[in-house]
Amino acid sequence: LAVFFLVAQHLLQLPGLRRLPAGFLALPAPVRGV
């Protein structure tokens, strides 16, 4: 899981995937809190 998160963090910097963090931040606060 740690390796997955490390690789995912770097993949999120690719141009096609940069919008995913903004989508996560648009989720309701309780969902992000969980």
PDB file of all heavy atoms in Angstrom:
ATOM      1  N   LEU A   1       0.831  -1.206   0.000  1.00  0.00           N
ATOM      2  CA  LEU A   1       0.000   0.000   0.000  1.00  0.00           C
ATOM      3  C   LEU A   1       0.864   1.254   0.000  1.00  0.00           C
ATOM      4  O   LEU A   1       0.556   2.233  -0.690  1.00  0.00           O
ATOM      5  CB  LEU A   1      -0.945  -0.011   1.205  1.00  0.00           C
ATOM      6  CG  LEU A   1      -2.096   0.986   1.172  1.00  0.00           C
ATOM      7  CD1 LEU A   1      -2.925   0.818  -0.095  1.00  0.00           C
ATOM      8  CD2 LEU A   1      -2.961   0.796   2.396  1.00  0.00           C
ATOM      9  N   ALA A   2       1.954   1.227   0.747  1.00  0.00           N
ATOM     10  CA  ALA A   2       2.860   2.378   0.760  1.00  0.00           C
ATOM     11  C   ALA A   2       3.473   2.600  -0.622  1.00  0.00           C
ATOM     12  O   ALA A   2       3.570   3.737  -1.096  1.00  0.00           O
ATOM     13  CB  ALA A   2       3.954   2.170   1.805  1.00  0.00           C
ATOM     14  N   VAL A   3       3.873   1.514  -1.281  1.00  0.00           N
ATOM     15  CA  VAL A   3       4.420   1.627  -2.638  1.00  0.00           C
ATOM     16  C   VAL A   3       3.348   2.166  -3.580  1.00  0.00           C
ATOM     17  O   VAL A   3       3.615   3.028  -4.426  1.00  0.00           O
ATOM     18  CB  VAL A   3       4.964   0.266  -3.123  1.00  0.00           C
ATOM     19  CG1 VAL A   3       5.279   0.297  -4.614  1.00  0.00           C
ATOM     20  CG2 VAL A   3       6.186  -0.123  -2.319  1.00  0.00           C
ATOM     21  N   PHE A   4       2.112   1.686  -3.417  1.00  0.00           N
ATOM     22  CA  PHE A   4       1.011   2.184  -4.248  1.00  0.00           C
ATOM     23  C   PHE A   4       0.837   3.685  -4.075  1.00  0.00           C
ATOM     24  O   PHE A   4       0.708   4.425  -5.057  1.00  0.00           O
ATOM     25  CB  PHE A   4      -0.293   1.456  -3.886  1.00  0.00           C
ATOM     26  CG  PHE A   4      -1.510   2.104  -4.481  1.00  0.00           C
ATOM     27  CD1 PHE A   4      -1.813   1.922  -5.822  1.00  0.00           C
ATOM     28  CD2 PHE A   4      -2.330   2.906  -3.707  1.00  0.00           C
ATOM     29  CE1 PHE A   4      -2.925   2.537  -6.382  1.00  0.00           C
ATOM     30  CE2 PHE A   4      -3.442   3.518  -4.254  1.00  0.00           C
ATOM     31  CZ  PHE A   4      -3.745   3.329  -5.594  1.00  0.00           C
ATOM     32  N   PHE A   5       0.825   4.179  -2.825  1.00  0.00           N
ATOM     33  CA  PHE A   5       0.665   5.615  -2.590  1.00  0.00           C
ATOM     34  C   PHE A   5       1.829   6.417  -3.158  1.00  0.00           C
ATOM     35  O   PHE A   5       1.637   7.494  -3.703  1.00  0.00           O
ATOM     36  CB  PHE A   5       0.504   5.913  -1.090  1.00  0.00           C
ATOM     37  CG  PHE A   5      -0.883   5.680  -0.580  1.00  0.00           C
ATOM     38  CD1 PHE A   5      -1.111   4.788   0.443  1.00  0.00           C
ATOM     39  CD2 PHE A   5      -1.960   6.348  -1.129  1.00  0.00           C
ATOM     40  CE1 PHE A   5      -2.387   4.567   0.915  1.00  0.00           C
ATOM     41  CE2 PHE A   5      -3.244   6.129  -0.669  1.00  0.00           C
ATOM     42  CZ  PHE A   5      -3.467   5.234   0.357  1.00  0.00           C
ATOM     43  N   LEU A   6       3.028   5.888  -3.049  1.00  0.00           N
ATOM     44  CA  LEU A   6       4.196   6.584  -3.591  1.00  0.00           C
ATOM     45  C   LEU A   6       4.104   6.706  -5.111  1.00  0.00           C
ATOM     46  O   LEU A   6       4.307   7.783  -5.674  1.00  0.00           O
ATOM     47  CB  LEU A   6       5.475   5.844  -3.202  1.00  0.00           C
ATOM     48  CG  LEU A   6       6.774   6.442  -3.722  1.00  0.00           C
ATOM     49  CD1 LEU A   6       7.025   7.791  -3.065  1.00  0.00           C
ATOM     50  CD2 LEU A   6       7.927   5.509  -3.457  1.00  0.00           C
ATOM     51  N   VAL A   7       3.775   5.614  -5.770  1.00  0.00           N
ATOM     52  CA  VAL A   7       3.647   5.636  -7.226  1.00  0.00           C
ATOM     53  C   VAL A   7       2.468   6.516  -7.639  1.00  0.00           C
ATOM     54  O   VAL A   7       2.566   7.303  -8.587  1.00  0.00           O
ATOM     55  CB  VAL A   7       3.506   4.200  -7.777  1.00  0.00           C
ATOM     56  CG1 VAL A   7       3.143   4.207  -9.251  1.00  0.00           C
ATOM     57  CG2 VAL A   7       4.794   3.427  -7.547  1.00  0.00           C
ATOM     58  N   ALA A   8       1.350   6.416  -6.922  1.00  0.00           N
ATOM     59  CA  ALA A   8       0.175   7.236  -7.246  1.00  0.00           C
ATOM     60  C   ALA A   8       0.488   8.722  -7.128  1.00  0.00           C
ATOM     61  O   ALA A   8       0.051   9.522  -7.966  1.00  0.00           O
ATOM     62  CB  ALA A   8      -0.994   6.861  -6.336  1.00  0.00           C
ATOM     63  N   GLN A   9       1.248   9.103  -6.113  1.00  0.00           N
ATOM     64  CA  GLN A   9       1.613  10.516  -5.941  1.00  0.00           C
ATOM     65  C   GLN A   9       2.363  11.025  -7.164  1.00  0.00           C
ATOM     66  O   GLN A   9       2.124  12.135  -7.631  1.00  0.00           O
ATOM     67  CB  GLN A   9       2.458  10.690  -4.671  1.00  0.00           C
ATOM     68  CG  GLN A   9       3.111  12.039  -4.541  1.00  0.00           C
ATOM     69  CD  GLN A   9       2.113  13.181  -4.425  1.00  0.00           C
ATOM     70  OE1 GLN A   9       1.006  12.999  -3.970  1.00  0.00           O
ATOM     71  NE2 GLN A   9       2.513  14.359  -4.842  1.00  0.00           N
ATOM     72  N   HIS A  10       3.264  10.227  -7.693  1.00  0.00           N
ATOM     73  CA  HIS A  10       4.022  10.650  -8.873  1.00  0.00           C
ATOM     74  C   HIS A  10       3.167  10.609 -10.137  1.00  0.00           C
ATOM     75  O   HIS A  10       3.308  11.470 -11.007  1.00  0.00           O
ATOM     76  CB  HIS A  10       5.282   9.796  -9.030  1.00  0.00           C
ATOM     77  CG  HIS A  10       6.311  10.120  -8.008  1.00  0.00           C
ATOM     78  ND1 HIS A  10       7.129  11.210  -8.109  1.00  0.00           N
ATOM     79  CD2 HIS A  10       6.639   9.518  -6.849  1.00  0.00           C
ATOM     80  CE1 HIS A  10       7.923  11.269  -7.058  1.00  0.00           C
ATOM     81  NE2 HIS A  10       7.646  10.249  -6.282  1.00  0.00           N
ATOM     82  N   LEU A  11       2.271   9.636 -10.237  1.00  0.00           N
ATOM     83  CA  LEU A  11       1.408   9.572 -11.410  1.00  0.00           C
ATOM     84  C   LEU A  11       0.432  10.748 -11.455  1.00  0.00           C
ATOM     85  O   LEU A  11       0.051  11.196 -12.532  1.00  0.00           O
ATOM     86  CB  LEU A  11       0.639   8.253 -11.428  1.00  0.00           C
ATOM     87  CG  LEU A  11       1.466   7.002 -11.721  1.00  0.00           C
ATOM     88  CD1 LEU A  11       0.591   5.759 -11.639  1.00  0.00           C
ATOM     89  CD2 LEU A  11       2.134   7.096 -13.076  1.00  0.00           C
ATOM     90  N   LEU A  12       0.033  11.246 -10.300  1.00  0.00           N
ATOM     91  CA  LEU A  12      -0.890  12.383 -10.257  1.00  0.00           C
ATOM     92  C   LEU A  12      -0.271  13.656 -10.809  1.00  0.00           C
ATOM     93  O   LEU A  12      -0.972  14.639 -11.028  1.00  0.00           O
ATOM     94  CB  LEU A  12      -1.391  12.617  -8.829  1.00  0.00           C
ATOM     95  CG  LEU A  12      -2.379  11.577  -8.330  1.00  0.00           C
ATOM     96  CD1 LEU A  12      -2.698  11.821  -6.863  1.00  0.00           C
ATOM     97  CD2 LEU A  12      -3.649  11.587  -9.158  1.00  0.00           C
ATOM     98  N   GLN A  13       1.012  13.660 -11.054  1.00  0.00           N
ATOM     99  CA  GLN A  13       1.665  14.825 -11.639  1.00  0.00           C
ATOM    100  C   GLN A  13       1.602  14.807 -13.164  1.00  0.00           C
ATOM    101  O   GLN A  13       1.978  15.785 -13.812  1.00  0.00           O
ATOM    102  CB  GLN A  13       3.130  14.908 -11.184  1.00  0.00           C
ATOM    103  CG  GLN A  13       3.294  14.944  -9.677  1.00  0.00           C
ATOM    104  CD  GLN A  13       2.488  16.056  -9.025  1.00  0.00           C
ATOM    105  OE1 GLN A  13       2.494  17.182  -9.478  1.00  0.00           O
ATOM    106  NE2 GLN A  13       1.789  15.712  -7.968  1.00  0.00           N
ATOM    107  N   LEU A  14       1.146  13.700 -13.742  1.00  0.00           N
ATOM    108  CA  LEU A  14       1.021  13.618 -15.198  1.00  0.00           C
ATOM    109  C   LEU A  14      -0.126  14.506 -15.667  1.00  0.00           C
ATOM    110  O   LEU A  14      -1.137  14.651 -14.969  1.00  0.00           O
ATOM    111  CB  LEU A  14       0.791  12.170 -15.630  1.00  0.00           C
ATOM    112  CG  LEU A  14       1.934  11.206 -15.344  1.00  0.00           C
ATOM    113  CD1 LEU A  14       1.539   9.789 -15.708  1.00  0.00           C
ATOM    114  CD2 LEU A  14       3.185  11.628 -16.105  1.00  0.00           C
ATOM    115  N   PRO A  15      -0.001  15.091 -16.849  1.00  0.00           N
ATOM    116  CA  PRO A  15      -1.011  16.044 -17.323  1.00  0.00           C
ATOM    117  C   PRO A  15      -2.435  15.507 -17.316  1.00  0.00           C
ATOM    118  O   PRO A  15      -3.353  16.219 -16.924  1.00  0.00           O
ATOM    119  CB  PRO A  15      -0.553  16.365 -18.753  1.00  0.00           C
ATOM    120  CG  PRO A  15       0.902  16.080 -18.759  1.00  0.00           C
ATOM    121  CD  PRO A  15       1.113  14.958 -17.789  1.00  0.00           C
ATOM    122  N   GLY A  16      -2.653  14.265 -17.711  1.00  0.00           N
ATOM    123  CA  GLY A  16      -4.012  13.728 -17.767  1.00  0.00           C
ATOM    124  C   GLY A  16      -4.629  13.436 -16.412  1.00  0.00           C
ATOM    125  O   GLY A  16      -5.845  13.274 -16.307  1.00  0.00           O
ATOM    126  N   LEU A  17      -3.825  13.370 -15.372  1.00  0.00           N
ATOM    127  CA  LEU A  17      -4.331  12.991 -14.047  1.00  0.00           C
ATOM    128  C   LEU A  17      -4.311  14.144 -13.044  1.00  0.00           C
ATOM    129  O   LEU A  17      -4.684  13.953 -11.887  1.00  0.00           O
ATOM    130  CB  LEU A  17      -3.506  11.818 -13.495  1.00  0.00           C
ATOM    131  CG  LEU A  17      -3.536  10.544 -14.331  1.00  0.00           C
ATOM    132  CD1 LEU A  17      -2.591   9.511 -13.753  1.00  0.00           C
ATOM    133  CD2 LEU A  17      -4.943   9.985 -14.425  1.00  0.00           C
ATOM    134  N   ARG A  18      -3.920  15.307 -13.457  1.00  0.00           N
ATOM    135  CA  ARG A  18      -3.799  16.430 -12.525  1.00  0.00           C
ATOM    136  C   ARG A  18      -5.133  16.906 -11.972  1.00  0.00           C
ATOM    137  O   ARG A  18      -5.188  17.577 -10.947  1.00  0.00           O
ATOM    138  CB  ARG A  18      -3.074  17.599 -13.187  1.00  0.00           C
ATOM    139  CG  ARG A  18      -1.606  17.342 -13.322  1.00  0.00           C
ATOM    140  CD  ARG A  18      -0.863  18.579 -13.712  1.00  0.00           C
ATOM    141  NE  ARG A  18       0.553  18.251 -13.837  1.00  0.00           N
ATOM    142  CZ  ARG A  18       1.398  18.900 -14.579  1.00  0.00           C
ATOM    143  NH1 ARG A  18       0.993  19.943 -15.270  1.00  0.00           N
ATOM    144  NH2 ARG A  18       2.651  18.538 -14.638  1.00  0.00           N
ATOM    145  N   ARG A  19      -6.231  16.575 -12.623  1.00  0.00           N
ATOM    146  CA  ARG A  19      -7.535  17.036 -12.149  1.00  0.00           C
ATOM    147  C   ARG A  19      -8.091  16.187 -11.004  1.00  0.00           C
ATOM    148  O   ARG A  19      -9.029  16.573 -10.333  1.00  0.00           O
ATOM    149  CB  ARG A  19      -8.518  17.104 -13.306  1.00  0.00           C
ATOM    150  CG  ARG A  19      -8.887  15.764 -13.869  1.00  0.00           C
ATOM    151  CD  ARG A  19      -9.887  15.901 -15.009  1.00  0.00           C
ATOM    152  NE  ARG A  19     -10.307  14.611 -15.474  1.00  0.00           N
ATOM    153  CZ  ARG A  19      -9.665  13.888 -16.383  1.00  0.00           C
ATOM    154  NH1 ARG A  19      -8.561  14.348 -16.911  1.00  0.00           N
ATOM    155  NH2 ARG A  19     -10.123  12.714 -16.751  1.00  0.00           N
ATOM    156  N   LEU A  20      -7.503  15.009 -10.765  1.00  0.00           N
ATOM    157  CA  LEU A  20      -8.005  14.130  -9.701  1.00  0.00           C
ATOM    158  C   LEU A  20      -7.915  14.742  -8.301  1.00  0.00           C
ATOM    159  O   LEU A  20      -8.867  14.636  -7.527  1.00  0.00           O
ATOM    160  CB  LEU A  20      -7.299  12.781  -9.756  1.00  0.00           C
ATOM    161  CG  LEU A  20      -7.694  11.885 -10.927  1.00  0.00           C
ATOM    162  CD1 LEU A  20      -6.869  10.605 -10.915  1.00  0.00           C
ATOM    163  CD2 LEU A  20      -9.164  11.564 -10.910  1.00  0.00           C
ATOM    164  N   PRO A  21      -6.791  15.372  -7.924  1.00  0.00           N
ATOM    165  CA  PRO A  21      -6.763  15.984  -6.591  1.00  0.00           C
ATOM    166  C   PRO A  21      -7.842  17.053  -6.405  1.00  0.00           C
ATOM    167  O   PRO A  21      -8.427  17.166  -5.328  1.00  0.00           O
ATOM    168  CB  PRO A  21      -5.360  16.590  -6.496  1.00  0.00           C
ATOM    169  CG  PRO A  21      -4.541  15.778  -7.440  1.00  0.00           C
ATOM    170  CD  PRO A  21      -5.470  15.422  -8.558  1.00  0.00           C
ATOM    171  N   ALA A  22      -8.120  17.821  -7.459  1.00  0.00           N
ATOM    172  CA  ALA A  22      -9.177  18.837  -7.357  1.00  0.00           C
ATOM    173  C   ALA A  22     -10.527  18.170  -7.145  1.00  0.00           C
ATOM    174  O   ALA A  22     -11.371  18.669  -6.389  1.00  0.00           O
ATOM    175  CB  ALA A  22      -9.195  19.716  -8.606  1.00  0.00           C
ATOM    176  N   GLY A  23     -10.741  17.019  -7.784  1.00  0.00           N
ATOM    177  CA  GLY A  23     -11.981  16.272  -7.578  1.00  0.00           C
ATOM    178  C   GLY A  23     -12.100  15.768  -6.154  1.00  0.00           C
ATOM    179  O   GLY A  23     -13.190  15.786  -5.570  1.00  0.00           O
ATOM    180  N   PHE A  24     -10.982  15.335  -5.580  1.00  0.00           N
ATOM    181  CA  PHE A  24     -11.001  14.888  -4.186  1.00  0.00           C
ATOM    182  C   PHE A  24     -11.324  16.048  -3.254  1.00  0.00           C
ATOM    183  O   PHE A  24     -12.118  15.914  -2.319  1.00  0.00           O
ATOM    184  CB  PHE A  24      -9.661  14.261  -3.801  1.00  0.00           C
ATOM    185  CG  PHE A  24      -9.572  13.884  -2.350  1.00  0.00           C
ATOM    186  CD1 PHE A  24     -10.229  12.768  -1.875  1.00  0.00           C
ATOM    187  CD2 PHE A  24      -8.842  14.655  -1.462  1.00  0.00           C
ATOM    188  CE1 PHE A  24     -10.163  12.416  -0.535  1.00  0.00           C
ATOM    189  CE2 PHE A  24      -8.764  14.314  -0.130  1.00  0.00           C
ATOM    190  CZ  PHE A  24      -9.427  13.193   0.340  1.00  0.00           C
ATOM    191  N   LEU A  25     -10.720  17.198  -3.522  1.00  0.00           N
ATOM    192  CA  LEU A  25     -10.969  18.366  -2.671  1.00  0.00           C
ATOM    193  C   LEU A  25     -12.394  18.887  -2.814  1.00  0.00           C
ATOM    194  O   LEU A  25     -12.889  19.597  -1.933  1.00  0.00           O
ATOM    195  CB  LEU A  25      -9.962  19.470  -2.979  1.00  0.00           C
ATOM    196  CG  LEU A  25      -8.520  19.138  -2.609  1.00  0.00           C
ATOM    197  CD1 LEU A  25      -7.578  20.246  -3.077  1.00  0.00           C
ATOM    198  CD2 LEU A  25      -8.378  18.908  -1.118  1.00  0.00           C
ATOM    199  N   ALA A  26     -13.073  18.532  -3.903  1.00  0.00           N
ATOM    200  CA  ALA A  26     -14.469  18.954  -4.088  1.00  0.00           C
ATOM    201  C   ALA A  26     -15.444  18.061  -3.322  1.00  0.00           C
ATOM    202  O   ALA A  26     -16.622  18.408  -3.192  1.00  0.00           O
ATOM    203  CB  ALA A  26     -14.808  18.951  -5.576  1.00  0.00           C
ATOM    204  N   LEU A  27     -14.973  16.932  -2.800  1.00  0.00           N
ATOM    205  CA  LEU A  27     -15.834  16.035  -2.021  1.00  0.00           C
ATOM    206  C   LEU A  27     -16.257  16.722  -0.725  1.00  0.00           C
ATOM    207  O   LEU A  27     -15.557  17.607  -0.215  1.00  0.00           O
ATOM    208  CB  LEU A  27     -15.092  14.739  -1.695  1.00  0.00           C
ATOM    209  CG  LEU A  27     -14.792  13.811  -2.865  1.00  0.00           C
ATOM    210  CD1 LEU A  27     -13.905  12.654  -2.409  1.00  0.00           C
ATOM    211  CD2 LEU A  27     -16.079  13.278  -3.475  1.00  0.00           C
ATOM    212  N   PRO A  28     -17.379  16.298  -0.144  1.00  0.00           N
ATOM    213  CA  PRO A  28     -17.797  16.881   1.137  1.00  0.00           C
ATOM    214  C   PRO A  28     -16.735  16.659   2.226  1.00  0.00           C
ATOM    215  O   PRO A  28     -16.020  15.651   2.222  1.00  0.00           O
ATOM    216  CB  PRO A  28     -19.087  16.123   1.473  1.00  0.00           C
ATOM    217  CG  PRO A  28     -19.553  15.532   0.180  1.00  0.00           C
ATOM    218  CD  PRO A  28     -18.336  15.334  -0.663  1.00  0.00           C
ATOM    219  N   ALA A  29     -16.652  17.593   3.142  1.00  0.00           N
ATOM    220  CA  ALA A  29     -15.645  17.548   4.203  1.00  0.00           C
ATOM    221  C   ALA A  29     -15.680  16.238   4.997  1.00  0.00           C
ATOM    222  O   ALA A  29     -14.621  15.696   5.309  1.00  0.00           O
ATOM    223  CB  ALA A  29     -15.787  18.746   5.124  1.00  0.00           C
ATOM    224  N   PRO A  30     -16.855  15.683   5.363  1.00  0.00           N
ATOM    225  CA  PRO A  30     -16.847  14.422   6.120  1.00  0.00           C
ATOM    226  C   PRO A  30     -16.214  13.260   5.342  1.00  0.00           C
ATOM    227  O   PRO A  30     -15.515  12.426   5.915  1.00  0.00           O
ATOM    228  CB  PRO A  30     -18.328  14.140   6.385  1.00  0.00           C
ATOM    229  CG  PRO A  30     -18.986  15.471   6.312  1.00  0.00           C
ATOM    230  CD  PRO A  30     -18.218  16.244   5.286  1.00  0.00           C
ATOM    231  N   VAL A  31     -16.414  13.220   4.036  1.00  0.00           N
ATOM    232  CA  VAL A  31     -15.827  12.150   3.222  1.00  0.00           C
ATOM    233  C   VAL A  31     -14.307  12.298   3.197  1.00  0.00           C
ATOM    234  O   VAL A  31     -13.571  11.325   3.366  1.00  0.00           O
ATOM    235  CB  VAL A  31     -16.414  12.172   1.792  1.00  0.00           C
ATOM    236  CG1 VAL A  31     -15.707  11.159   0.899  1.00  0.00           C
ATOM    237  CG2 VAL A  31     -17.908  11.900   1.827  1.00  0.00           C
ATOM    238  N   ARG A  32     -13.833  13.524   3.001  1.00  0.00           N
ATOM    239  CA  ARG A  32     -12.386  13.760   3.026  1.00  0.00           C
ATOM    240  C   ARG A  32     -11.817  13.450   4.405  1.00  0.00           C
ATOM    241  O   ARG A  32     -10.724  12.899   4.523  1.00  0.00           O
ATOM    242  CB  ARG A  32     -12.077  15.216   2.650  1.00  0.00           C
ATOM    243  CG  ARG A  32     -12.305  15.528   1.196  1.00  0.00           C
ATOM    244  CD  ARG A  32     -11.742  16.888   0.838  1.00  0.00           C
ATOM    245  NE  ARG A  32     -11.917  17.863   1.894  1.00  0.00           N
ATOM    246  CZ  ARG A  32     -12.702  18.932   1.839  1.00  0.00           C
ATOM    247  NH1 ARG A  32     -13.360  19.208   0.754  1.00  0.00           N
ATOM    248  NH2 ARG A  32     -12.804  19.753   2.864  1.00  0.00           N
ATOM    249  N   GLY A  33     -12.549  13.793   5.461  1.00  0.00           N
ATOM    250  CA  GLY A  33     -12.094  13.507   6.821  1.00  0.00           C
ATOM    251  C   GLY A  33     -11.916  12.021   7.068  1.00  0.00           C
ATOM    252  O   GLY A  33     -10.935  11.594   7.680  1.00  0.00           O
ATOM    253  N   VAL A  34     -12.845  11.214   6.568  1.00  0.00           N
ATOM    254  CA  VAL A  34     -12.724   9.757   6.707  1.00  0.00           C
ATOM    255  C   VAL A  34     -11.493   9.272   5.938  1.00  0.00           C
ATOM    256  O   VAL A  34     -10.724   8.438   6.438  1.00  0.00           O
ATOM    257  CB  VAL A  34     -14.012   9.052   6.219  1.00  0.00           C
ATOM    258  CG1 VAL A  34     -13.790   7.555   6.069  1.00  0.00           C
ATOM    259  CG2 VAL A  34     -15.163   9.338   7.164  1.00  0.00           C
TER     260      VAL A  34
END
